[in-house]
Amino acid sequence: MSESDNQYVELRREKAAQMRGAGMDPYMNGVSPTHTAHEIHHIYDEKGAEELEKVEELFSLAGRIMAIRAFGKAAFLQIKDRSGSLQVFVQKQSVSEELFAAYKLMDVGDFAWFFGKLFRTKTGELTLAAADLKLVTKSVRPLPEKWHGLTDVETRYRQRYVDLIVNEEVKRTFVRRFEIIRAMREFMVARGYLEVETPMMHPIPGGAAARPFVTHHNKLGMDLFLRIAPELYLKRLVVGGIERVFEINRNFRNEGISIQHNPEFTMMEFYESWSTYEDLMKLTEELIGHIAERVLGTTDISYQGTPIDLTPPFKRMTMKESLVEVGGVDPAVLESREKALEFAKSLGDELKSKDEGLGAILTEIFELTVEKKLVQP
């Protein structure tokens, strides 16, 4: 923490001490807002200034203070809750001396509660005129100086809560993730699948080729492995007569890490009796299309500026077809291990094993020549 940050922290602690000295709790409980910012906007965004003057209803709103514009005896505050944000107006002549003193102890980052009527400012912004207020939680650490644009990658990943506070897009990603999993679950249940939870700790790691995390069960006196896949237990359930089964849960692989690769991740795995791999390919296409429609309202999306069409059915190719059509590989290479090996080396590929078979070599050629060119599903 820098020296200037330390000064801000000390100032905020002093304000918390002032609150206690005045008989106020800087970390109070039992505050319940009557409305969210979204509810207020949804109902009153279309009403003009004259219509709002006739509204007798009083509102209370609670959230984090994201901005303060002070003008001596009045101030505008931007309040953000779980649903959105709303402007609040605090005026010295409209509140008691004690309440205005409480407002003066507020900083950006604090949580506060406001109560009053709605009106429109001269610029037309829907605003809550505070007749009562409470500082609910004093934030000791200040938000990043430019809270509207936290860009430091390390801070964003190490302090995800700060990233959530200041980057609205990150919060939308969290919400979208929840909506995707919910849509996935709805899709599977509607098709007669039973959702289960299988063991996280396995006596023998299996279901995928990956290095496991190892733990120890004290009571049983044995080592166990955090699961790398739920496959084997799900297949046992199919054997037991549960013909359609799925699980959405955590898996653990004690391998590399990157911003796109985490050793702890969520996966859905499903199994269905009386089906071929082609049936499951079709179901997967329908699942992805359903999720897009349910969450986004369309199967036409944009990823990093590229339009993507998730409408089923997807284009299908064998690996060999893709190597020729997309990778530009000579078909003769596909039928000879020696030619495939020579071609792989020409790409600068260092094979993991000199004893790789033709299929494994073609897979590596695929990864080098085709994978990066695949855009549409």
Protein backbone atom coordinates (compact mmCIF):
# COMPACT_ATOMS: atom_id res chain seq x y z
CA MET A 1 0.00 0.00 0.00
CA SER A 2 1.37 3.42 -0.95
CA GLU A 3 1.87 6.29 1.50
CA SER A 4 -1.09 8.18 0.03
CA ASP A 5 -3.29 5.08 0.42
CA ASN A 6 -2.22 4.86 4.06
CA GLN A 7 -3.30 8.47 4.57
CA TYR A 8 -6.75 7.70 3.09
CA VAL A 9 -7.09 4.66 5.34
CA GLU A 10 -6.23 6.71 8.44
CA LEU A 11 -8.74 9.43 7.47
CA ARG A 12 -11.47 6.82 7.06
CA ARG A 13 -10.63 5.21 10.39
CA GLU A 14 -10.87 8.62 12.02
CA LYS A 15 -14.35 9.05 10.53
CA ALA A 16 -15.36 5.63 11.89
CA ALA A 17 -14.09 6.76 15.31
CA GLN A 18 -16.11 10.00 15.01
CA MET A 19 -19.22 7.93 14.29
CA ARG A 20 -18.68 5.84 17.41
CA GLY A 21 -18.10 9.02 19.42
CA ALA A 22 -21.43 10.37 18.19
CA GLY A 23 -23.21 7.16 19.18
CA MET A 24 -23.43 5.77 15.62
CA ASP A 25 -22.35 2.25 14.66
CA PRO A 26 -20.10 2.36 11.55
CA TYR A 27 -20.96 -1.28 10.91
CA MET A 28 -24.65 -1.42 11.72
CA ASN A 29 -27.17 -4.18 11.11
CA GLY A 30 -30.86 -4.48 10.37
CA VAL A 31 -31.15 -1.98 7.50
CA SER A 32 -33.74 -3.08 4.91
CA PRO A 33 -34.36 -1.05 1.74
CA THR A 34 -37.89 -1.11 0.32
CA HIS A 35 -36.77 -0.93 -3.31
CA THR A 36 -33.81 -1.69 -5.56
CA ALA A 37 -32.46 0.80 -8.07
CA HIS A 38 -33.80 -1.31 -10.92
CA GLU A 39 -37.31 -1.41 -9.45
CA ILE A 40 -37.36 2.38 -9.10
CA HIS A 41 -36.11 2.91 -12.65
CA HIS A 42 -38.50 0.30 -14.04
CA ILE A 43 -41.57 1.97 -12.53
CA TYR A 44 -40.66 5.65 -12.77
CA ASP A 45 -38.22 6.13 -15.66
CA GLU A 46 -41.03 7.18 -18.00
CA LYS A 47 -42.57 9.70 -15.61
CA GLY A 48 -41.78 13.37 -16.06
CA ALA A 49 -40.99 15.96 -13.38
CA GLU A 50 -44.64 17.03 -12.91
CA GLU A 51 -45.85 13.43 -12.60
CA LEU A 52 -43.20 12.67 -10.00
CA GLU A 53 -44.29 15.66 -7.90
CA LYS A 54 -47.70 14.00 -7.53
CA VAL A 55 -46.21 10.67 -6.37
CA GLU A 56 -46.73 10.44 -2.61
CA GLU A 57 -44.89 7.15 -2.16
CA LEU A 58 -41.63 7.22 -0.21
CA PHE A 59 -38.68 5.00 -1.12
CA SER A 60 -35.65 3.64 0.65
CA LEU A 61 -32.53 2.50 -1.17
CA ALA A 62 -29.30 0.96 0.12
CA GLY A 63 -26.03 0.38 -1.71
CA ARG A 64 -22.42 1.36 -2.21
CA ILE A 65 -21.55 5.00 -2.81
CA MET A 66 -19.75 5.12 -6.17
CA ALA A 67 -19.43 8.89 -6.58
CA ILE A 68 -19.99 12.09 -4.58
CA ARG A 69 -20.37 15.56 -6.08
CA ALA A 70 -20.47 18.00 -3.20
CA PHE A 71 -21.53 21.67 -3.38
CA GLY A 72 -21.12 22.82 0.21
CA LYS A 73 -24.66 22.60 1.56
CA ALA A 74 -25.80 19.95 -0.94
CA ALA A 75 -24.46 16.95 -2.77
CA PHE A 76 -25.32 14.37 -5.41
CA LEU A 77 -24.33 10.76 -4.67
CA GLN A 78 -24.37 7.81 -7.05
CA ILE A 79 -25.62 4.70 -5.21
CA LYS A 80 -25.06 1.22 -6.64
CA ASP A 81 -26.90 -1.87 -5.42
CA ARG A 82 -27.16 -5.40 -6.81
CA SER A 83 -29.57 -4.30 -9.55
CA GLY A 84 -28.09 -1.03 -10.82
CA SER A 85 -27.54 2.54 -9.69
CA LEU A 86 -29.57 5.62 -8.77
CA GLN A 87 -28.69 9.21 -7.96
CA VAL A 88 -29.42 10.56 -4.47
CA PHE A 89 -29.63 14.24 -3.52
CA VAL A 90 -28.69 15.32 0.01
CA GLN A 91 -29.47 18.94 0.98
CA LYS A 92 -28.66 20.53 4.33
CA GLN A 93 -32.00 22.34 4.60
CA SER A 94 -33.94 19.10 3.95
CA VAL A 95 -32.41 16.99 6.72
CA SER A 96 -31.57 17.47 10.38
CA GLU A 97 -28.20 18.78 11.51
CA GLU A 98 -27.30 15.29 12.79
CA LEU A 99 -28.17 13.66 9.48
CA PHE A 100 -26.16 16.18 7.47
CA ALA A 101 -23.22 15.56 9.80
CA ALA A 102 -23.63 11.83 9.13
CA TYR A 103 -23.57 12.49 5.37
CA LYS A 104 -20.32 14.48 5.79
CA LEU A 105 -18.69 11.30 7.15
CA MET A 106 -19.51 9.37 3.96
CA ASP A 107 -16.86 8.46 1.39
CA VAL A 108 -16.85 6.75 -1.97
CA GLY A 109 -16.91 3.01 -1.29
CA ASP A 110 -19.09 3.23 1.83
CA PHE A 111 -22.44 1.47 2.07
CA ALA A 112 -25.34 3.76 2.94
CA TRP A 113 -29.14 3.85 3.19
CA PHE A 114 -31.34 6.71 1.96
CA PHE A 115 -35.05 7.44 2.33
CA GLY A 116 -37.19 10.00 0.56
CA LYS A 117 -39.24 11.05 -2.50
CA LEU A 118 -38.33 10.94 -6.17
CA PHE A 119 -37.84 13.95 -8.41
CA ARG A 120 -36.10 14.91 -11.63
CA THR A 121 -33.12 17.25 -11.73
CA LYS A 122 -32.83 20.11 -14.22
CA THR A 123 -30.93 17.72 -16.50
CA GLY A 124 -33.79 15.21 -16.25
CA GLU A 125 -32.08 12.56 -14.13
CA LEU A 126 -34.30 10.48 -11.86
CA THR A 127 -33.14 11.21 -8.30
CA LEU A 128 -34.04 10.33 -4.73
CA ALA A 129 -34.26 13.39 -2.44
CA ALA A 130 -33.00 12.19 0.94
CA ALA A 131 -35.16 12.99 3.95
CA ASP A 132 -33.36 10.39 6.05
CA LEU A 133 -30.04 8.57 5.69
CA LYS A 134 -27.70 6.17 7.47
CA LEU A 135 -24.06 5.31 6.94
CA VAL A 136 -24.31 1.52 7.19
CA THR A 137 -20.75 0.30 6.57
CA LYS A 138 -17.62 2.43 6.62
CA SER A 139 -15.17 1.31 3.93
CA VAL A 140 -11.68 1.69 5.36
CA ARG A 141 -9.84 1.04 2.10
CA PRO A 142 -10.60 3.43 -0.78
CA LEU A 143 -11.65 2.16 -4.18
CA PRO A 144 -9.12 2.43 -7.03
CA GLU A 145 -8.58 6.09 -7.92
CA LYS A 146 -10.19 5.66 -11.33
CA TRP A 147 -12.97 3.36 -10.14
CA HIS A 148 -14.69 3.50 -13.50
CA GLY A 149 -11.78 1.81 -15.24
CA LEU A 150 -9.73 -0.61 -13.14
CA THR A 151 -7.38 -2.06 -15.75
CA ASP A 152 -4.44 -3.49 -13.81
CA VAL A 153 -4.63 -7.19 -14.67
CA GLU A 154 -2.88 -8.44 -11.53
CA THR A 155 -5.18 -6.42 -9.24
CA ARG A 156 -8.24 -7.64 -11.14
CA TYR A 157 -7.32 -11.31 -10.72
CA ARG A 158 -5.91 -11.15 -7.20
CA GLN A 159 -8.71 -8.96 -5.83
CA ARG A 160 -11.75 -10.15 -7.73
CA TYR A 161 -14.07 -8.36 -5.32
CA VAL A 162 -12.52 -5.01 -6.36
CA ASP A 163 -12.91 -5.99 -10.01
CA LEU A 164 -16.59 -6.74 -9.36
CA ILE A 165 -17.14 -3.39 -7.67
CA VAL A 166 -15.65 -1.22 -10.37
CA ASN A 167 -16.17 -3.16 -13.61
CA GLU A 168 -19.85 -3.73 -14.34
CA GLU A 169 -19.03 -6.09 -17.22
CA VAL A 170 -17.40 -8.52 -14.78
CA LYS A 171 -20.56 -8.66 -12.70
CA ARG A 172 -22.59 -9.33 -15.86
CA THR A 173 -20.24 -12.25 -16.60
CA PHE A 174 -20.97 -13.75 -13.16
CA VAL A 175 -24.71 -13.37 -13.78
CA ARG A 176 -24.42 -14.87 -17.27
CA ARG A 177 -22.53 -17.86 -15.91
CA PHE A 178 -25.36 -18.53 -13.47
CA GLU A 179 -27.95 -18.17 -16.26
CA ILE A 180 -26.00 -20.55 -18.52
CA ILE A 181 -25.84 -23.26 -15.85
CA ARG A 182 -29.53 -22.78 -15.03
CA ALA A 183 -30.47 -23.10 -18.73
CA MET A 184 -28.26 -26.18 -19.04
CA ARG A 185 -29.97 -27.81 -16.07
CA GLU A 186 -33.45 -26.96 -17.38
CA PHE A 187 -32.62 -28.46 -20.78
CA MET A 188 -31.38 -31.75 -19.32
CA VAL A 189 -34.24 -32.16 -16.83
CA ALA A 190 -36.83 -31.46 -19.55
CA ARG A 191 -35.38 -34.41 -21.51
CA GLY A 192 -35.73 -36.87 -18.67
CA TYR A 193 -32.22 -36.69 -17.26
CA LEU A 194 -31.67 -37.20 -13.54
CA GLU A 195 -29.17 -34.86 -11.88
CA VAL A 196 -26.86 -36.49 -9.33
CA GLU A 197 -23.83 -35.72 -7.19
CA THR A 198 -21.01 -38.27 -7.22
CA PRO A 199 -17.96 -38.49 -4.93
CA MET A 200 -15.30 -35.79 -5.08
CA MET A 201 -12.69 -38.00 -3.42
CA HIS A 202 -11.75 -41.17 -5.28
CA PRO A 203 -9.65 -44.14 -4.15
CA ILE A 204 -8.36 -44.46 -7.72
CA PRO A 205 -8.29 -41.46 -10.08
CA GLY A 206 -9.99 -42.21 -13.39
CA GLY A 207 -12.24 -41.06 -16.19
CA ALA A 208 -9.59 -38.90 -17.86
CA ALA A 209 -5.85 -38.70 -18.36
CA ALA A 210 -4.70 -36.03 -15.92
CA ARG A 211 -2.54 -35.64 -12.82
CA PRO A 212 -4.71 -35.65 -9.67
CA PHE A 213 -4.48 -33.74 -6.40
CA VAL A 214 -3.74 -36.08 -3.50
CA THR A 215 -5.28 -35.84 -0.04
CA HIS A 216 -5.41 -38.12 3.00
CA HIS A 217 -8.38 -39.57 4.88
CA ASN A 218 -7.30 -39.69 8.53
CA LYS A 219 -10.03 -42.03 9.81
CA LEU A 220 -9.55 -44.59 7.05
CA GLY A 221 -5.78 -44.11 6.98
CA MET A 222 -5.64 -43.97 3.20
CA ASP A 223 -4.71 -41.55 0.44
CA LEU A 224 -7.53 -40.31 -1.79
CA PHE A 225 -7.55 -38.31 -5.01
CA LEU A 226 -9.68 -35.29 -5.85
CA ARG A 227 -11.60 -36.32 -8.91
CA ILE A 228 -10.38 -35.46 -12.37
CA ALA A 229 -13.73 -36.48 -13.91
CA PRO A 230 -17.09 -37.92 -12.71
CA GLU A 231 -17.21 -40.40 -15.59
CA LEU A 232 -16.75 -43.73 -13.81
CA TYR A 233 -19.39 -43.09 -11.15
CA LEU A 234 -21.89 -41.80 -13.72
CA LYS A 235 -21.38 -44.94 -15.82
CA ARG A 236 -22.03 -47.08 -12.73
CA LEU A 237 -25.35 -45.29 -12.34
CA VAL A 238 -26.23 -46.12 -15.95
CA VAL A 239 -25.34 -49.76 -15.22
CA GLY A 240 -27.64 -49.54 -12.19
CA GLY A 241 -30.59 -48.55 -14.37
CA ILE A 242 -30.57 -44.74 -14.38
CA GLU A 243 -30.74 -44.48 -18.15
CA ARG A 244 -30.28 -40.73 -18.41
CA VAL A 245 -27.98 -39.08 -15.90
CA PHE A 246 -25.94 -35.89 -15.63
CA GLU A 247 -23.83 -33.97 -13.16
CA ILE A 248 -22.73 -30.32 -13.04
CA ASN A 249 -19.90 -30.08 -10.55
CA ARG A 250 -16.26 -29.40 -9.77
CA ASN A 251 -13.26 -31.28 -11.12
CA PHE A 252 -9.60 -30.95 -10.15
CA ARG A 253 -6.49 -31.46 -12.28
CA ASN A 254 -3.09 -30.83 -10.77
CA GLU A 255 -1.57 -29.38 -13.92
CA GLY A 256 -0.78 -25.98 -15.47
CA ILE A 257 -2.59 -22.71 -14.85
CA SER A 258 -3.40 -19.70 -17.02
CA ILE A 259 -6.16 -17.10 -17.37
CA GLN A 260 -8.06 -19.66 -19.49
CA HIS A 261 -7.02 -22.80 -17.64
CA ASN A 262 -7.71 -23.39 -13.96
CA PRO A 263 -6.86 -26.60 -12.05
CA GLU A 264 -10.30 -26.36 -10.41
CA PHE A 265 -13.22 -26.06 -12.83
CA THR A 266 -16.90 -26.83 -13.35
CA MET A 267 -17.97 -29.38 -15.93
CA MET A 268 -21.20 -31.00 -17.02
CA GLU A 269 -20.98 -34.67 -17.95
CA PHE A 270 -23.96 -36.73 -19.08
CA TYR A 271 -24.75 -40.27 -20.18
CA GLU A 272 -27.74 -41.76 -21.98
CA SER A 273 -28.67 -45.39 -22.65
CA TRP A 274 -29.98 -46.56 -26.04
CA SER A 275 -28.04 -43.88 -27.92
CA THR A 276 -25.09 -43.58 -30.25
CA TYR A 277 -22.42 -40.90 -30.26
CA GLU A 278 -24.35 -39.24 -33.10
CA ASP A 279 -27.41 -38.88 -30.85
CA LEU A 280 -25.25 -37.21 -28.21
CA MET A 281 -23.69 -34.89 -30.82
CA LYS A 282 -27.21 -33.81 -31.82
CA LEU A 283 -28.19 -33.29 -28.19
CA THR A 284 -25.05 -31.20 -27.58
CA GLU A 285 -25.87 -28.97 -30.55
CA GLU A 286 -29.42 -28.49 -29.29
CA LEU A 287 -28.14 -27.80 -25.76
CA ILE A 288 -25.81 -25.02 -26.93
CA GLY A 289 -28.50 -23.49 -29.13
CA HIS A 290 -31.01 -23.65 -26.27
CA ILE A 291 -28.62 -21.92 -23.86
CA ALA A 292 -27.92 -19.12 -26.35
CA GLU A 293 -31.64 -18.53 -26.95
CA ARG A 294 -32.50 -18.75 -23.25
CA VAL A 295 -29.70 -16.48 -22.00
CA LEU A 296 -29.15 -14.09 -24.94
CA GLY A 297 -32.39 -14.40 -26.89
CA THR A 298 -30.50 -15.32 -30.09
CA THR A 299 -28.11 -17.89 -31.53
CA ASP A 300 -26.21 -15.17 -33.38
CA ILE A 301 -23.49 -13.86 -31.09
CA SER A 302 -20.25 -11.92 -31.40
CA TYR A 303 -16.97 -13.09 -29.89
CA GLN A 304 -13.96 -10.75 -29.99
CA GLY A 305 -15.54 -8.95 -32.94
CA THR A 306 -16.28 -12.14 -34.90
CA PRO A 307 -19.91 -13.13 -35.59
CA ILE A 308 -20.67 -16.69 -34.44
CA ASP A 309 -23.77 -18.69 -35.44
CA LEU A 310 -24.81 -21.25 -32.81
CA THR A 311 -27.88 -22.43 -34.72
CA PRO A 312 -28.06 -26.25 -34.90
CA PRO A 313 -27.07 -28.35 -36.76
CA PHE A 314 -23.35 -27.53 -36.73
CA LYS A 315 -21.01 -28.34 -39.60
CA ARG A 316 -19.45 -31.80 -39.17
CA MET A 317 -16.12 -33.08 -40.48
CA THR A 318 -13.90 -36.00 -39.66
CA MET A 319 -10.41 -35.09 -38.49
CA LYS A 320 -8.96 -36.17 -41.81
CA GLU A 321 -11.47 -34.07 -43.74
CA SER A 322 -10.60 -31.04 -41.61
CA LEU A 323 -6.86 -31.58 -42.14
CA VAL A 324 -7.36 -31.43 -45.91
CA GLU A 325 -10.13 -28.81 -46.07
CA VAL A 326 -9.02 -26.43 -43.34
CA GLY A 327 -5.37 -27.31 -42.72
CA GLY A 328 -4.39 -27.68 -46.38
CA VAL A 329 -2.60 -30.98 -45.69
CA ASP A 330 -1.81 -33.31 -48.61
CA PRO A 331 -4.18 -36.34 -48.38
CA ALA A 332 -1.19 -38.64 -48.90
CA VAL A 333 0.18 -37.52 -45.51
CA LEU A 334 -2.91 -38.91 -43.82
CA GLU A 335 -2.33 -42.49 -44.86
CA SER A 336 1.37 -42.94 -43.98
CA ARG A 337 2.97 -42.73 -40.56
CA GLU A 338 6.34 -41.88 -42.09
CA LYS A 339 4.91 -39.05 -44.20
CA ALA A 340 2.85 -37.77 -41.28
CA LEU A 341 5.92 -37.82 -39.03
CA GLU A 342 7.99 -35.98 -41.63
CA PHE A 343 5.21 -33.39 -42.10
CA ALA A 344 4.88 -32.87 -38.34
CA LYS A 345 8.61 -32.23 -38.05
CA SER A 346 8.41 -29.71 -40.92
CA LEU A 347 5.92 -27.77 -38.80
CA GLY A 348 8.49 -27.62 -36.00
CA ASP A 349 6.55 -30.10 -33.89
CA GLU A 350 8.52 -31.94 -31.26
CA LEU A 351 6.52 -35.13 -30.74
CA LYS A 352 5.87 -36.10 -27.15
CA SER A 353 6.95 -39.64 -27.99
CA LYS A 354 8.94 -41.03 -30.93
CA ASP A 355 6.70 -44.11 -30.78
CA GLU A 356 3.46 -42.24 -31.50
CA GLY A 357 1.08 -43.99 -33.87
CA LEU A 358 -0.41 -42.39 -36.98
CA GLY A 359 -3.56 -41.25 -35.17
CA ALA A 360 -1.61 -39.43 -32.44
CA ILE A 361 0.64 -37.76 -35.04
CA LEU A 362 -2.38 -36.57 -37.04
CA THR A 363 -3.90 -35.22 -33.84
CA GLU A 364 -0.81 -33.08 -33.27
CA ILE A 365 -0.87 -31.90 -36.90
CA PHE A 366 -4.55 -31.05 -36.41
CA GLU A 367 -3.70 -28.93 -33.36
CA LEU A 368 -1.04 -27.05 -35.33
CA THR A 369 -2.82 -26.55 -38.65
CA VAL A 370 -6.56 -26.69 -38.04
CA GLU A 371 -7.51 -25.80 -34.46
CA LYS A 372 -6.62 -22.10 -34.62
CA LYS A 373 -8.62 -21.71 -37.86
CA LEU A 374 -11.84 -23.20 -36.49
CA VAL A 375 -14.22 -20.35 -35.69
CA GLN A 376 -17.80 -21.48 -36.28
CA PRO A 377 -19.09 -24.52 -34.38
